[in-house]
Structures are given as structure tokens and as C-alpha cells.
Protein backbone atom coordinates (compact mmCIF):
# COMPACT_ATOMS: atom_id res chain seq x y z
CA MET A 1 134.74 101.61 74.27
CA PRO A 2 132.92 104.57 74.83
CA SER A 3 132.79 105.87 78.29
CA GLU A 4 128.89 105.57 80.29
CA GLY A 5 127.04 108.19 79.19
CA ALA A 6 128.61 108.98 76.34
CA PRO A 7 127.55 109.41 72.83
CA LEU A 8 127.09 106.04 70.88
CA PRO A 9 127.35 104.99 67.02
CA ALA A 10 123.66 106.07 65.53
CA ALA A 11 122.82 102.44 64.64
CA THR A 12 123.69 101.11 68.46
CA GLY A 13 121.19 104.36 69.48
CA ARG A 14 118.71 103.16 67.25
CA ARG A 15 118.63 99.29 68.49
CA ARG A 16 119.06 100.31 72.43
CA MET A 17 115.75 102.63 71.57
CA ASP A 18 114.11 99.73 69.92
CA ARG A 19 115.07 97.16 72.88
CA ASP A 20 113.73 100.34 75.32
CA ASP A 21 110.35 100.57 73.30
CA LEU A 22 109.86 96.54 73.33
CA LEU A 23 110.60 96.29 76.66
CA MET A 24 108.28 98.89 77.75
CA ARG A 25 105.65 97.24 75.41
CA ALA A 26 106.37 93.79 76.77
CA GLY A 27 106.05 95.43 80.05
CA ILE A 28 102.97 97.24 79.85
CA GLY A 29 101.29 93.81 78.29
CA LEU A 30 102.26 91.82 81.56
CA LEU A 31 101.02 94.16 83.92
CA ILE A 32 97.62 93.95 82.01
CA GLY A 33 98.06 90.29 82.17
CA TRP A 34 98.52 90.34 85.80
CA LEU A 35 95.58 92.49 86.28
CA LEU A 36 93.45 90.44 83.58
CA LEU A 37 94.41 87.51 85.88
CA THR A 38 94.27 88.67 89.42
CA LEU A 39 91.24 90.49 89.31
CA LEU A 40 88.67 90.79 86.21
CA LEU A 41 88.59 86.93 85.31
CA PRO A 42 88.38 86.02 89.18
CA LEU A 43 85.31 88.16 89.55
CA TRP A 44 84.02 86.83 85.74
CA TRP A 45 83.98 83.85 87.41
CA LEU A 46 82.54 84.79 90.21
CA LEU A 47 79.83 86.18 88.09
CA SER A 48 79.11 83.40 86.13
CA LYS A 49 78.58 81.37 89.04
CA SER A 50 75.56 83.22 90.65
CA PHE A 51 73.47 82.61 87.83
CA HIS A 52 73.93 78.51 88.41
CA ASN A 53 72.60 76.13 91.40
CA GLN A 54 74.84 74.06 93.96
CA ASN A 55 74.66 71.15 90.77
CA GLY A 56 76.58 73.33 88.39
CA GLU A 57 72.96 73.66 86.60
CA PHE A 58 72.42 77.25 84.86
CA VAL A 59 69.23 78.68 86.49
CA GLY A 60 69.50 82.52 85.51
CA LEU A 61 68.28 85.34 87.68
CA ALA A 62 66.71 82.48 89.98
CA ASN A 63 69.34 83.11 92.78
CA TYR A 64 68.97 86.63 93.04
CA LEU A 65 65.19 86.25 92.96
CA HIS A 66 65.27 84.03 95.96
CA TYR A 67 67.69 86.58 97.63
CA PHE A 68 65.82 89.37 97.60
CA ALA A 69 62.38 87.27 97.92
CA THR A 70 64.01 86.72 101.32
CA PRO A 71 62.92 88.93 103.78
CA ALA A 72 65.79 87.73 106.26
CA LEU A 73 68.29 88.07 103.38
CA SER A 74 67.21 90.88 101.48
CA ALA A 75 67.01 93.44 104.86
CA SER A 76 70.55 93.05 104.91
CA VAL A 77 70.95 95.42 101.88
CA TRP A 78 69.12 98.12 103.53
CA ASN A 79 70.49 97.54 107.28
CA SER A 80 74.18 98.24 105.37
CA LEU A 81 73.16 101.18 103.34
CA PHE A 82 71.84 102.24 106.60
CA ILE A 83 75.37 101.78 108.61
CA ALA A 84 77.16 103.20 105.99
CA PHE A 85 74.85 106.15 105.68
CA VAL A 86 74.77 107.20 109.65
CA THR A 87 78.58 106.18 109.68
CA THR A 88 79.07 108.67 106.94
CA ALA A 89 77.24 111.70 108.29
CA ILE A 90 78.93 111.04 111.87
CA VAL A 91 82.56 111.00 110.69
CA LEU A 92 82.61 113.32 108.27
CA PRO A 93 81.67 116.62 110.37
CA LEU A 94 84.29 115.30 113.02
CA ALA A 95 86.77 114.89 110.51
CA PHE A 96 86.40 117.71 109.37
CA VAL A 97 86.99 119.84 112.43
CA TYR A 98 89.95 118.05 113.44
CA ALA A 99 91.31 118.25 110.00
CA TYR A 100 90.77 122.21 110.13
CA ALA A 101 92.06 122.34 113.69
CA LEU A 102 95.30 120.45 112.26
CA GLN A 103 96.18 123.02 109.23
CA ARG A 104 94.21 126.48 110.12
CA SER A 105 94.77 127.11 113.37
CA CYS A 106 97.86 127.98 115.96
CA MET A 107 96.71 125.44 118.31
CA ARG A 108 99.76 123.54 120.46
CA PHE A 109 100.69 119.61 120.03
CA LYS A 110 99.43 119.44 116.52
CA GLY A 111 102.06 116.46 115.74
CA LEU A 112 100.82 114.66 118.74
CA PHE A 113 97.24 115.16 117.88
CA GLN A 114 97.95 114.18 114.27
CA ALA A 115 99.59 110.82 115.66
CA LEU A 116 96.52 109.54 117.75
CA ALA A 117 94.34 110.23 114.85
CA LEU A 118 96.07 107.67 112.82
CA ILE A 119 96.22 105.05 115.47
CA PRO A 120 93.41 103.10 113.86
CA ILE A 121 94.78 102.36 110.93
CA LEU A 122 97.45 100.48 113.03
CA ALA A 123 94.95 98.01 113.97
CA PRO A 124 92.60 95.34 112.65
CA SER A 125 88.76 96.63 112.20
CA LEU A 126 87.92 94.30 114.87
CA LEU A 127 89.71 96.14 117.89
CA PRO A 128 86.91 98.67 118.17
CA ALA A 129 84.65 95.92 118.32
CA ILE A 130 86.19 94.05 121.08
CA SER A 131 87.27 97.20 122.55
CA PHE A 132 83.38 98.77 122.90
CA ILE A 133 82.33 95.03 124.37
CA TYR A 134 84.17 95.47 127.33
CA LEU A 135 83.21 98.79 127.88
CA PHE A 136 79.13 98.40 127.34
CA GLY A 137 78.91 94.90 126.86
CA ASN A 138 77.32 92.74 129.25
CA GLN A 139 79.58 92.69 131.68
CA GLY A 140 80.37 96.25 130.31
CA LEU A 141 82.62 98.98 132.69
CA LEU A 142 80.31 101.54 131.25
CA LYS A 143 77.08 99.46 130.57
CA SER A 144 75.02 101.81 132.57
CA TRP A 145 75.65 105.09 130.18
CA LEU A 146 73.45 103.11 127.57
CA MET A 147 70.48 103.12 129.78
CA GLY A 148 69.55 100.35 128.36
CA ALA A 149 70.08 100.00 125.08
CA SER A 150 72.57 97.47 123.90
CA ILE A 151 75.83 97.34 121.92
CA TYR A 152 75.32 94.25 120.45
CA GLY A 153 74.07 95.56 116.88
CA PRO A 154 74.02 98.29 114.94
CA LEU A 155 74.82 100.90 117.50
CA GLY A 156 77.94 98.83 118.38
CA ILE A 157 78.49 98.75 114.72
CA VAL A 158 77.90 102.18 114.25
CA MET A 159 80.12 103.06 117.30
CA SER A 160 83.45 100.76 116.01
CA GLN A 161 83.22 102.13 112.55
CA VAL A 162 83.49 105.42 113.93
CA PHE A 163 86.46 104.87 115.43
CA TYR A 164 87.99 102.42 112.06
CA CYS A 165 87.10 105.07 109.43
CA PHE A 166 88.29 108.41 110.78
CA PRO A 167 91.76 108.43 110.09
CA HIS A 168 90.57 107.41 106.47
CA ALA A 169 88.54 110.71 106.43
CA LEU A 170 90.94 112.63 108.18
CA MET A 171 93.97 112.52 105.68
CA ILE A 172 91.53 113.34 102.66
CA LEU A 173 89.98 116.18 104.25
CA VAL A 174 94.29 117.57 106.04
CA ALA A 175 95.11 117.30 102.46
CA ALA A 176 92.06 119.39 101.32
CA LEU A 177 92.58 121.89 103.75
CA SER A 178 96.37 122.08 103.51
CA MET A 179 95.85 124.06 100.09
CA ALA A 180 94.40 127.76 100.43
CA ASP A 181 95.04 130.88 98.32
CA ALA A 182 95.39 133.35 101.24
CA ARG A 183 94.20 136.12 98.74
CA LEU A 184 90.90 134.69 98.99
CA TYR A 185 90.36 135.06 102.97
CA GLU A 186 92.35 138.43 102.55
CA ALA A 187 89.40 139.68 100.00
CA ALA A 188 86.90 138.40 102.30
CA ASP A 189 88.38 140.65 105.19
CA THR A 190 88.45 143.89 102.62
CA LEU A 191 85.49 143.15 102.14
CA GLY A 192 84.21 142.63 105.73
CA ALA A 193 82.70 139.76 105.53
CA SER A 194 82.13 137.47 108.99
CA ARG A 195 83.72 134.62 109.82
CA THR A 196 80.72 132.61 109.15
CA ARG A 197 80.29 134.14 105.60
CA VAL A 198 84.02 133.43 105.07
CA PHE A 199 83.29 129.92 106.19
CA THR A 200 80.64 129.12 104.07
CA SER A 201 81.49 131.33 101.08
CA VAL A 202 85.50 130.45 101.07
CA THR A 203 86.58 127.61 103.25
CA LEU A 204 83.71 125.04 102.54
CA PRO A 205 83.63 125.13 98.94
CA GLY A 206 87.67 124.99 98.82
CA ALA A 207 87.29 122.07 100.77
CA LYS A 208 84.26 120.71 98.40
CA TYR A 209 85.74 117.61 96.50
CA GLY A 210 87.88 116.59 99.55
CA LEU A 211 84.47 116.11 101.71
CA ILE A 212 82.81 114.43 98.76
CA SER A 213 85.80 112.04 98.51
CA ALA A 214 86.10 111.40 102.04
CA GLY A 215 82.37 110.83 102.34
CA PHE A 216 82.29 108.19 99.45
CA VAL A 217 85.61 106.83 100.93
CA VAL A 218 84.04 106.21 104.21
CA PHE A 219 80.96 104.85 102.78
CA THR A 220 82.61 102.38 100.59
CA LEU A 221 84.62 101.16 103.63
CA VAL A 222 81.88 100.77 105.91
CA ILE A 223 79.41 98.83 103.39
CA THR A 224 82.14 96.46 102.41
CA ASP A 225 83.72 95.77 106.25
CA PHE A 226 83.37 92.36 107.42
CA GLY A 227 84.99 92.30 110.95
CA ILE A 228 83.11 94.93 113.35
CA ALA A 229 79.93 93.40 112.37
CA LYS A 230 81.16 89.94 113.01
CA VAL A 231 82.59 90.73 116.10
CA ILE A 232 79.78 93.49 117.25
CA GLY A 233 76.78 93.04 115.25
CA GLY A 234 74.92 90.73 117.24
CA ARG A 235 71.69 89.31 115.13
CA PHE A 236 71.58 92.55 112.81
CA ASN A 237 72.81 91.19 109.82
CA VAL A 238 74.57 93.44 106.98
CA LEU A 239 75.76 92.42 103.27
CA ALA A 240 79.23 91.56 104.39
CA THR A 241 78.31 88.96 107.55
CA ASP A 242 75.92 87.29 104.83
CA ILE A 243 78.38 86.34 102.44
CA PHE A 244 80.18 84.76 105.41
CA LYS A 245 76.94 83.22 106.60
CA GLN A 246 76.06 81.22 103.09
CA VAL A 247 79.97 80.10 102.51
CA ILE A 248 81.18 79.02 105.95
CA GLY A 249 78.03 78.81 107.57
CA GLN A 250 75.79 76.84 104.73
CA GLN A 251 78.48 75.92 102.67
CA ASN A 252 75.95 77.65 99.96
CA PHE A 253 78.78 79.14 97.47
CA GLU A 254 76.23 80.07 94.62
CA MET A 255 74.21 82.44 97.03
CA GLY A 256 77.90 83.61 98.26
CA ALA A 257 78.10 84.97 94.98
CA VAL A 258 74.81 86.64 94.19
CA VAL A 259 75.36 88.37 98.13
CA GLY A 260 78.94 89.33 96.66
CA PHE A 261 77.63 90.76 93.55
CA VAL A 262 75.34 92.96 95.25
CA LEU A 263 77.55 93.98 98.07
CA LEU A 264 79.85 95.11 94.83
CA ILE A 265 77.10 97.03 93.47
CA PRO A 266 77.21 100.37 95.89
CA ALA A 267 81.01 100.26 96.31
CA VAL A 268 81.38 100.38 92.63
CA VAL A 269 78.57 103.24 92.68
CA ALA A 270 80.16 105.12 95.27
CA PHE A 271 83.44 104.51 93.37
CA ALA A 272 82.18 106.02 90.20
CA ALA A 273 80.16 108.68 91.75
CA ASP A 274 83.90 109.35 93.29
CA ARG A 275 85.80 109.30 90.00
CA ILE A 276 83.35 111.87 88.13
CA PHE A 277 83.03 114.54 91.19
CA GLN A 278 87.19 114.53 91.29
CA ARG A 279 87.20 114.77 87.48
CA ARG A 280 85.52 117.68 87.68
CA GLN A 281 87.88 119.32 90.42
CA VAL A 282 90.25 122.24 89.31
CA ALA A 283 93.13 123.69 91.03
CA LEU A 284 92.77 125.64 93.75
CA LEU A 285 96.12 126.58 94.00
CA SER A 286 97.54 128.96 90.55
CA ALA A 287 101.46 130.01 90.28
CA ARG A 288 100.74 133.13 92.07
CA ALA A 289 98.71 131.61 95.02
CA VAL A 290 99.73 133.01 98.43
CA PRO A 291 99.96 129.90 100.93
CA LEU A 292 97.50 130.44 103.62
CA VAL A 293 99.00 130.67 107.34
CA PRO A 294 97.01 130.91 109.98
CA LYS A 295 97.17 133.83 112.62
CA PRO A 296 96.90 132.95 116.32
CA GLU A 297 93.00 133.58 117.62
CA PRO A 298 93.30 131.85 121.36
CA ALA A 299 89.85 131.71 121.06
CA ARG A 300 89.42 129.53 118.29
CA ASP A 301 92.52 127.89 119.02
CA TRP A 302 91.75 126.79 122.53
CA GLY A 303 88.08 125.86 121.22
CA LEU A 304 89.70 123.66 118.76
CA PHE A 305 92.57 122.05 121.19
CA ALA A 306 89.86 121.08 123.53
CA PHE A 307 87.93 119.37 120.51
CA CYS A 308 91.07 117.58 119.37
CA ALA A 309 91.77 116.65 122.81
CA VAL A 310 88.73 114.81 123.41
CA VAL A 311 88.52 113.10 120.28
CA GLY A 312 92.07 112.18 120.61
CA GLY A 313 91.59 110.88 124.06
CA LEU A 314 88.60 108.92 122.95
CA ILE A 315 90.72 107.17 119.91
CA LEU A 316 93.45 106.31 123.05
CA GLY A 317 90.70 105.32 125.44
CA VAL A 318 89.46 102.56 122.77
CA LEU A 319 93.10 101.36 122.23
CA ALA A 320 94.10 101.71 126.15
CA MET A 321 90.31 99.48 127.08
CA ALA A 322 91.70 96.69 124.57
CA GLY A 323 95.19 96.70 125.69
CA TRP A 324 93.76 96.87 129.23
CA ALA A 325 91.70 93.79 128.58
CA SER A 326 94.39 92.24 126.96
CA ILE A 327 96.37 91.82 129.91
CA VAL A 328 92.91 91.07 132.63
CA THR A 329 92.72 87.45 134.26
CA ARG A 330 89.15 86.75 134.17
CA TRP A 331 87.38 90.04 132.91
CA PRO A 332 85.67 91.36 135.25
CA TYR A 333 85.86 89.21 138.11
CA ASN A 334 89.90 89.07 138.47
CA LEU A 335 91.58 92.46 136.82
CA ALA A 336 94.77 91.04 138.01
CA PRO A 337 97.24 91.84 135.45
CA THR A 338 98.45 88.71 133.69
CA LEU A 339 100.63 87.77 130.34
CA ALA A 340 98.53 84.50 129.88
CA ASN A 341 96.11 85.64 127.59
CA TYR A 342 99.01 86.12 125.03
CA ALA A 343 99.90 82.15 125.09
CA PHE A 344 97.92 81.88 122.30
CA SER A 345 98.68 77.92 121.96
CA GLU A 346 95.96 77.66 125.17
CA PHE A 347 93.40 79.60 122.90
CA ASP A 348 94.16 78.37 119.29
CA THR A 349 95.18 75.29 117.87
CA ASP A 350 97.44 77.79 115.56
CA GLY A 351 99.08 79.62 118.77
CA TRP A 352 102.18 82.43 117.57
CA ALA A 353 101.79 80.52 114.29
CA ALA A 354 98.79 82.53 113.29
CA TYR A 355 100.58 85.70 113.89
CA TRP A 356 104.37 84.77 112.22
CA ASN A 357 101.88 83.91 108.97
CA SER A 358 101.10 87.06 109.13
CA VAL A 359 104.21 88.81 108.96
CA LYS A 360 105.36 86.45 106.56
CA LEU A 361 102.47 87.70 104.65
CA ALA A 362 102.85 91.49 105.45
CA LEU A 363 106.58 91.17 104.57
CA TRP A 364 106.12 89.27 100.89
CA THR A 365 103.65 91.34 100.20
CA ALA A 366 105.08 94.36 100.95
CA GLY A 367 108.50 93.27 99.13
CA VAL A 368 106.55 91.89 95.86
CA GLY A 369 104.07 94.78 95.70
CA THR A 370 106.32 97.38 95.92
CA LEU A 371 108.38 95.92 92.77
CA VAL A 372 105.15 95.30 90.58
CA ILE A 373 103.37 98.27 91.75
CA PHE A 374 106.37 100.91 91.05
CA SER A 375 107.36 98.69 88.21
CA GLY A 376 103.91 99.34 86.70
CA SER A 377 103.22 102.61 87.32
CA TYR A 378 106.45 103.24 85.82
CA LEU A 379 105.73 101.93 82.98
CA LEU A 380 102.54 103.72 82.54
CA GLU A 381 104.05 107.06 83.29
CA LYS A 382 107.27 107.07 81.40
CA THR A 383 106.27 105.95 77.91
CA ARG A 384 104.37 107.20 75.25
CA ALA A 385 104.37 104.04 73.18
CA PHE A 386 101.53 101.61 73.21
CA ALA A 387 98.62 104.12 74.15
CA PHE A 388 95.69 101.89 74.13
CA GLY A 389 97.60 99.33 76.33
CA ARG A 390 98.61 102.26 78.43
CA ALA A 391 94.69 103.43 78.98
CA LEU A 392 93.78 100.14 79.39
CA ALA A 393 96.20 99.04 81.98
CA GLN A 394 95.39 102.80 83.86
CA PHE A 395 91.86 101.87 84.28
CA MET A 396 92.54 98.35 85.46
CA ALA A 397 94.70 99.61 88.01
CA MET A 398 91.97 101.71 89.55
CA LEU A 399 89.44 98.76 89.91
CA PRO A 400 90.56 97.27 92.98
CA MET A 401 89.65 100.14 95.21
CA ALA A 402 85.70 99.27 94.05
CA VAL A 403 86.16 95.51 94.91
CA PRO A 404 85.52 94.50 98.42
CA GLY A 405 88.08 92.75 99.94
CA LEU A 406 85.29 89.47 100.59
CA VAL A 407 84.07 89.99 96.78
CA LEU A 408 87.53 89.04 95.48
CA GLY A 409 88.32 86.21 98.06
CA LEU A 410 85.38 84.66 97.56
CA ALA A 411 86.09 85.14 93.60
CA TYR A 412 89.81 83.65 93.98
CA ILE A 413 88.30 80.50 95.47
CA PHE A 414 85.88 79.98 92.52
CA PHE A 415 89.12 80.85 89.98
CA PHE A 416 92.09 79.54 91.46
CA ASN A 417 90.13 76.63 92.64
CA ALA A 418 88.30 75.90 88.98
CA ARG A 419 89.34 72.67 87.30
CA GLY A 420 92.17 73.00 84.31
CA ASN A 421 93.04 76.27 85.90
CA PRO A 422 96.86 76.23 85.43
CA PHE A 423 97.52 78.39 88.30
CA GLY A 424 95.49 76.61 91.03
CA PHE A 425 98.70 74.83 92.45
CA ILE A 426 98.60 78.43 94.27
CA TYR A 427 95.21 77.72 96.34
CA GLY A 428 95.81 76.75 99.60
CA THR A 429 99.24 78.34 100.34
CA MET A 430 100.64 81.66 101.13
CA ALA A 431 100.86 82.43 97.44
CA ILE A 432 97.40 83.17 97.22
CA LEU A 433 97.41 85.28 100.37
CA VAL A 434 100.04 87.43 98.87
CA VAL A 435 98.54 87.41 95.60
CA ASN A 436 95.40 88.80 96.73
CA SER A 437 96.73 91.40 99.44
CA LEU A 438 98.10 92.84 96.47
CA THR A 439 95.82 93.10 94.43
CA HIS A 440 93.17 94.50 97.24
CA PHE A 441 95.64 97.18 97.75
CA TYR A 442 96.67 97.76 94.31
CA THR A 443 95.45 101.04 93.64
CA VAL A 444 96.85 102.98 96.77
CA SER A 445 99.78 102.51 96.06
CA HIS A 446 99.45 103.42 92.14
CA LEU A 447 98.03 106.43 93.17
CA THR A 448 100.95 107.12 95.54
CA ALA A 449 103.78 105.77 92.73
CA SER A 450 102.39 107.81 90.38
CA THR A 451 102.23 110.77 91.87
CA ALA A 452 105.97 110.46 92.91
CA LEU A 453 106.53 110.11 89.12
CA LYS A 454 104.27 113.03 88.20
CA GLN A 455 106.75 115.23 89.80
CA LEU A 456 109.96 114.28 87.68
CA ASP A 457 110.38 116.15 84.53
CA ALA A 458 110.18 114.08 81.19
CA GLU A 459 113.67 115.60 80.30
CA PHE A 460 115.10 113.00 82.22
CA GLU A 461 113.91 110.47 80.15
CA ALA A 462 114.77 112.99 77.03
CA VAL A 463 118.28 113.26 77.93
CA SER A 464 119.12 109.80 78.57
CA ALA A 465 117.34 108.97 75.12
CA SER A 466 119.59 111.85 73.75
CA LEU A 467 122.87 110.32 75.32
CA LYS A 468 122.03 106.97 74.60
CA VAL A 469 121.71 105.36 77.99
CA SER A 470 118.88 102.72 78.59
CA LEU A 471 115.99 103.61 80.47
CA LEU A 472 117.00 100.68 82.77
CA ARG A 473 119.52 102.58 83.93
CA THR A 474 118.13 105.76 84.19
CA LEU A 475 115.63 104.10 86.21
CA ARG A 476 118.12 102.94 88.45
CA ARG A 477 120.37 105.78 88.91
CA VAL A 478 117.77 108.53 88.94
CA THR A 479 113.96 107.88 89.14
CA LEU A 480 114.61 105.58 92.01
CA PRO A 481 116.70 107.05 94.47
CA ILE A 482 114.43 110.51 93.84
CA CYS A 483 111.19 108.44 94.45
CA LEU A 484 112.52 106.08 97.19
CA PRO A 485 110.14 108.48 100.16
CA ALA A 486 107.51 107.15 97.75
CA VAL A 487 108.90 103.53 97.78
CA LEU A 488 109.04 103.41 101.43
CA ASP A 489 105.69 104.55 101.77
CA ILE A 490 104.07 102.16 99.23
CA SER A 491 106.07 99.27 101.23
CA VAL A 492 104.64 100.40 105.05
CA TYR A 493 101.14 100.87 103.32
CA LEU A 494 101.43 97.39 102.14
CA PHE A 495 102.47 95.80 105.02
CA VAL A 496 100.27 97.13 107.84
CA ASN A 497 97.47 96.38 105.35
CA ALA A 498 98.04 92.56 104.92
CA MET A 499 98.93 92.78 108.96
CA THR A 500 95.63 93.96 110.17
CA THR A 501 93.11 92.86 107.02
CA VAL A 502 90.56 90.07 107.74
CA SER A 503 87.63 90.62 105.40
CA ALA A 504 90.05 89.94 102.15
CA VAL A 505 91.85 86.18 103.53
CA ILE A 506 88.40 85.02 105.98
CA PHE A 507 87.86 82.95 102.65
CA LEU A 508 91.46 81.68 101.48
CA TYR A 509 93.39 80.65 104.20
CA SER A 510 94.49 76.94 105.03
CA THR A 511 95.57 75.18 108.24
CA ASP A 512 99.15 75.98 107.16
CA THR A 513 98.51 79.59 106.20
CA LYS A 514 95.92 80.30 109.24
CA LEU A 515 96.52 84.57 109.96
CA ALA A 516 96.59 86.56 113.13
CA SER A 517 93.12 88.60 111.92
CA VAL A 518 91.32 85.42 111.18
CA SER A 519 93.07 83.78 114.91
CA ILE A 520 91.39 87.08 116.58
CA VAL A 521 87.55 86.05 114.75
CA ASN A 522 87.81 82.72 116.12
CA MET A 523 88.76 83.28 119.51
CA ASP A 524 85.99 85.77 119.37
CA GLU A 525 83.63 83.28 118.39
CA ALA A 526 85.01 80.38 121.10
CA GLY A 527 84.38 83.04 123.96
CA PHE A 528 88.32 83.79 124.61
CA THR A 529 87.74 87.85 123.98
CA ALA A 530 90.70 88.48 126.25
CA ALA A 531 92.87 86.51 123.90
CA ALA A 532 91.33 88.02 120.88
CA ALA A 533 92.19 91.61 122.62
CA ALA A 534 95.64 90.32 123.11
CA MET A 535 96.23 89.09 119.49
CA ALA A 536 95.04 92.49 118.12
CA MET A 537 97.17 94.62 120.35
CA THR A 538 100.42 92.26 118.98
CA ILE A 539 99.24 93.33 115.83
CA VAL A 540 98.90 97.00 116.59
CA ALA A 541 102.52 96.58 118.48
CA THR A 542 104.08 95.48 114.98
CA SER A 543 102.24 97.82 112.54
CA ALA A 544 103.37 100.60 115.09
CA ALA A 545 106.82 99.76 114.98
CA VAL A 546 107.12 99.41 111.32
CA LYS A 547 105.55 103.01 110.90
CA VAL A 548 108.31 103.94 113.54
CA ALA A 549 111.09 102.60 111.70
CA HIS A 550 109.76 103.91 108.53
CA VAL A 551 109.29 107.70 110.16
CA LEU A 552 113.28 107.65 110.81
CA LEU A 553 114.37 105.73 107.93
CA THR A 554 112.66 108.68 105.98
CA ARG A 555 114.19 111.29 107.71
CA ARG A 556 117.68 110.06 107.27
CA ILE A 557 116.70 109.61 103.52
CA ASP A 558 115.41 113.14 103.44
CA ARG A 559 118.95 113.94 104.58
CA SER A 560 120.91 112.41 102.29
CA THR A 561 119.01 112.23 99.00
CA GLN A 562 116.24 114.39 99.26
CA ALA A 563 117.97 118.04 99.94
CA TRP A 564 118.31 119.00 96.75
CA ARG A 565 113.91 119.81 97.15
CA LYS A 566 115.02 122.37 99.71
CA ARG A 567 116.79 124.32 97.30
């Protein structure tokens, strides 16, 4: 028998290539079927329900007309847009200066400041809302600082959203500012341009598309978030809370479908605009570019250090407030520390079971999701057959980013609970939560895998084909080891987001699959805010532990399998 990798007879080679081609086509077909089943069909089902009344009778646009004719409901649209625009206007300058400090200065402790800025990603969105209630609420520690203003409403929502969205904008802007050609700055110095002129003529244009993308991301996150508005919004209604009230409070699923599609419109518009602007982006670094290395400037560096210290300190302070609230005996009357708030069975019927359900969900989502997403990305990036199918799958893979979690969860209620659906058996089980979470967070993970795979030269597959080695063997022995850091990034991303999400699962849990994030909402509604803070801190601790393990494991993998990149 020929040894592995040795040339095979022509007929055997053709059969293997035909088999690989069939496998790739079948895989792309399965990917399209998966996205059709978990995304497009549920959304279509949701749309159809918005044209029916509670008796199942077709009423056309009557539900939409009723929604916009009701002042209390239609006001939520403008409230949501107002909060989204204000938050975006605050977050972008803060994140840009912070990113500029990390990338374009020589200040000290950059690693520490970057770690502090990413803390909110590890926490559910409800955590900052709970912290600000303890700080500025009716019995808040710093209530007098608001000079009579109420934290329950737009002020509290905006403050909490700034905390929650800041790291998402920061990561985009750090990437945008990391790409700069030193020759442009040298030319500006030679021409005697002032620092202000250099900033407005070179720095800002170079980061323009990063700013635009960060703005759309923040806008979408704010307008689709449910947890913050639910906890600290008071009587200030937004679209996300309107859906919850219609579905859970009034059991009016058809009107909930209407609000869901109203919420979907600004998210889709923002997503489409972001895609259009990204297509206009040109390469900022050419093959002849000289990487920009910042030079020490004491005044600038210390000024940016002070700014980062303030912002990082505020982020840490919000987290610390939630941590302190979780161990206080009875706020504000007895501040003695206690772990009684972590006895969740005293405040919620599910107790610690909700937390372990979240861990189970996160593990399943990370495991199954990484396999599905990386395999799908490999099929789309490493085959040239079935061009139409690949283009369709690539388009569908980008759509989940535009769909709010609440809308997707509501769509799943209609679709998987529909009579005659052969997949209805997963409704009310952990499986539907895994499928929902995987679909909701699909796009970012897909982009991560695609980026890693695009870095591999097509010659790997060409050489394998010439040696008559199957694509599966090439995937196992070459592609996967090289892309292992990206695979770990995808797994951790899915795990953390599955642990912290609330909007995507608030409609889908059952008595046996209640999650920690849902438990936070329920305990806060029942007045057990300290216990809610304790559960939020438990999620933060779990996410942080996984992230630390990921960093350590990635360093070890870099030393053992990625050394070739440094040659």
C-alpha cells in the first residue's frame, strides 16, 4: 500500500477529489439549511404573526396601525432612538481617546488599562444598572450628586449603556488606530503641520471607518438591549421593554411580533449602513508602509495616563459597587459583610440551579458552536465549487448580527412551538437555548474563523490535492493546528456571551432551564437587589476565570505551535 501523502493512481486520485467535492457541496448545503432553519424561517414566521390577531385571523396592517396610533407605544420608538444616539455620542469620544492612549502614546501600564476597559464584556448588562441604583438610587450612596434628578429613567439607562458599550467600541478603535503609516506623519512634520492639523488631516481620516463601525455597533447594542432598561428604566419605555410587556405581561404575542419588527428596522438599517461603509474602506497599510512607533512626549503621555486612570477607575468602581452590594447584610441600614446574599435558594426557587444551567448552556454553546462555525467557515473559504451556494451561505452568515436577541427569541416561540413543526420537540429544552445562543452570536465568530482561514495560503490545499491527500486530513493535520488560537477565541467568545446574555433567552427558558441572567431579572423584580448583584458577580467571576484560562492556554499554544509565525 502507498504511504500517506505518496502519489496515488490517477483513478484513485480522481475518486478522492470527487468525494471531497461532494462532501464540500453537501457541507455547504447543510450550512445553508442550518441558517435557514435557525434564522430565516423563524423570522418569516414572526413576520406572518404580526399580520394576524389573537384569534389567528389575518388583519393586514391593523396591528401596525394600532401600535403607532397608541401614543404610549409609539413613544417607545423615539425613546429608543434618543437613548441610542445620546449613548453613541458619549461612548465614541471616550473610546477613541482611550484607544489613542493605548496605541499612540508611551504611557505606562497599558496592559492594565486595557484589561480594565474590557471588564464590562464579562458582565451581564444588568450589572451596571444594579450598581448605579446602589450609587444614585432612592437610597444610593451618592444620591445627592444628582441634585434632585432621578436615576430611574433615561439618565440611568444612558449611564449604564455607556459602561456596557464602551469596550465594544474600544476594541474596534484599537484595531483602527493600530494601522498607521509612519511616513505620513514624517511628511507632516517635514511640512511643518501643527499637531492639530496632523490629527485632523492624518489621524482622524485613518480611523474614519473604525469610528463609523464603532458608532453603528454601539447604536445597535443600545437600541436592542433589554436588561438595562428593565432594571433601571422606571417608567421610561423603550422598544425592548415594550416587547417584554406585550408578551410576558399581556400575553399579546401578535403585538409583540409587531414591536419586534419595529425594533428590527433600526438594527437592520445600522447593520446595512455599516456594511456599505466597510466596503468603501481601502487598505491603510501598503507593502512599503513603515509601522508607526510612538515617541515619548511627557505632557501628552501623562495627560492620557490621567484620562485612562479616570475612565478605568470608574469602570472598576462600578464593578466594585456591585461586588460590595452583593455582600452587604441590608442596604443601607446594616453594611456588615455577609455571604447570605449568595444563598440564592432563599431568593429564587431555582437557587444555584439557574447558575449551573447557565454554565451548561455556555459549555454546550461553546462546544457545538465552535464545531459548527469553524466547519462552516472552512467550507466557505477553502472551496471554489458551488459558487452560488457559498455566496448565499456567506450572506446568511452575516445576518444574525442585525437581529436583536429579543426578536430572535420571540421568533423561536412562534416557529418551534408551531403545530406540525418536526423540530418542535426542542421547545422548552436546553437544546433550543443552545441553538438560539449559537445563532445569535454566529456572525462575530464566523468572521473570526474566516479571518484566520484567509491568512492561510491556498497552496496548502493545492499541495494536498497534488499529493491526493483528502481535505479532511489536511484540515486535521495542517489547518486546525495553525488556526488553534482562533478556535479558542471563538470558544471563549461563545462561552462568555452565553453566560451573560439575557435578551436572547428571556422568552425561551422553562422551569427546568432557567438561567442565571434570567434569575437576576426575577430577583430584582422581587426586590432582592442584593441577591441579583450577587448572581451578577458570580457570572463575572466565572467569565473572568474562563478568560484567564484562555490567555494562559493561548500563550502555551503560541510557544508550541505558533513559533513559525515569528520566523
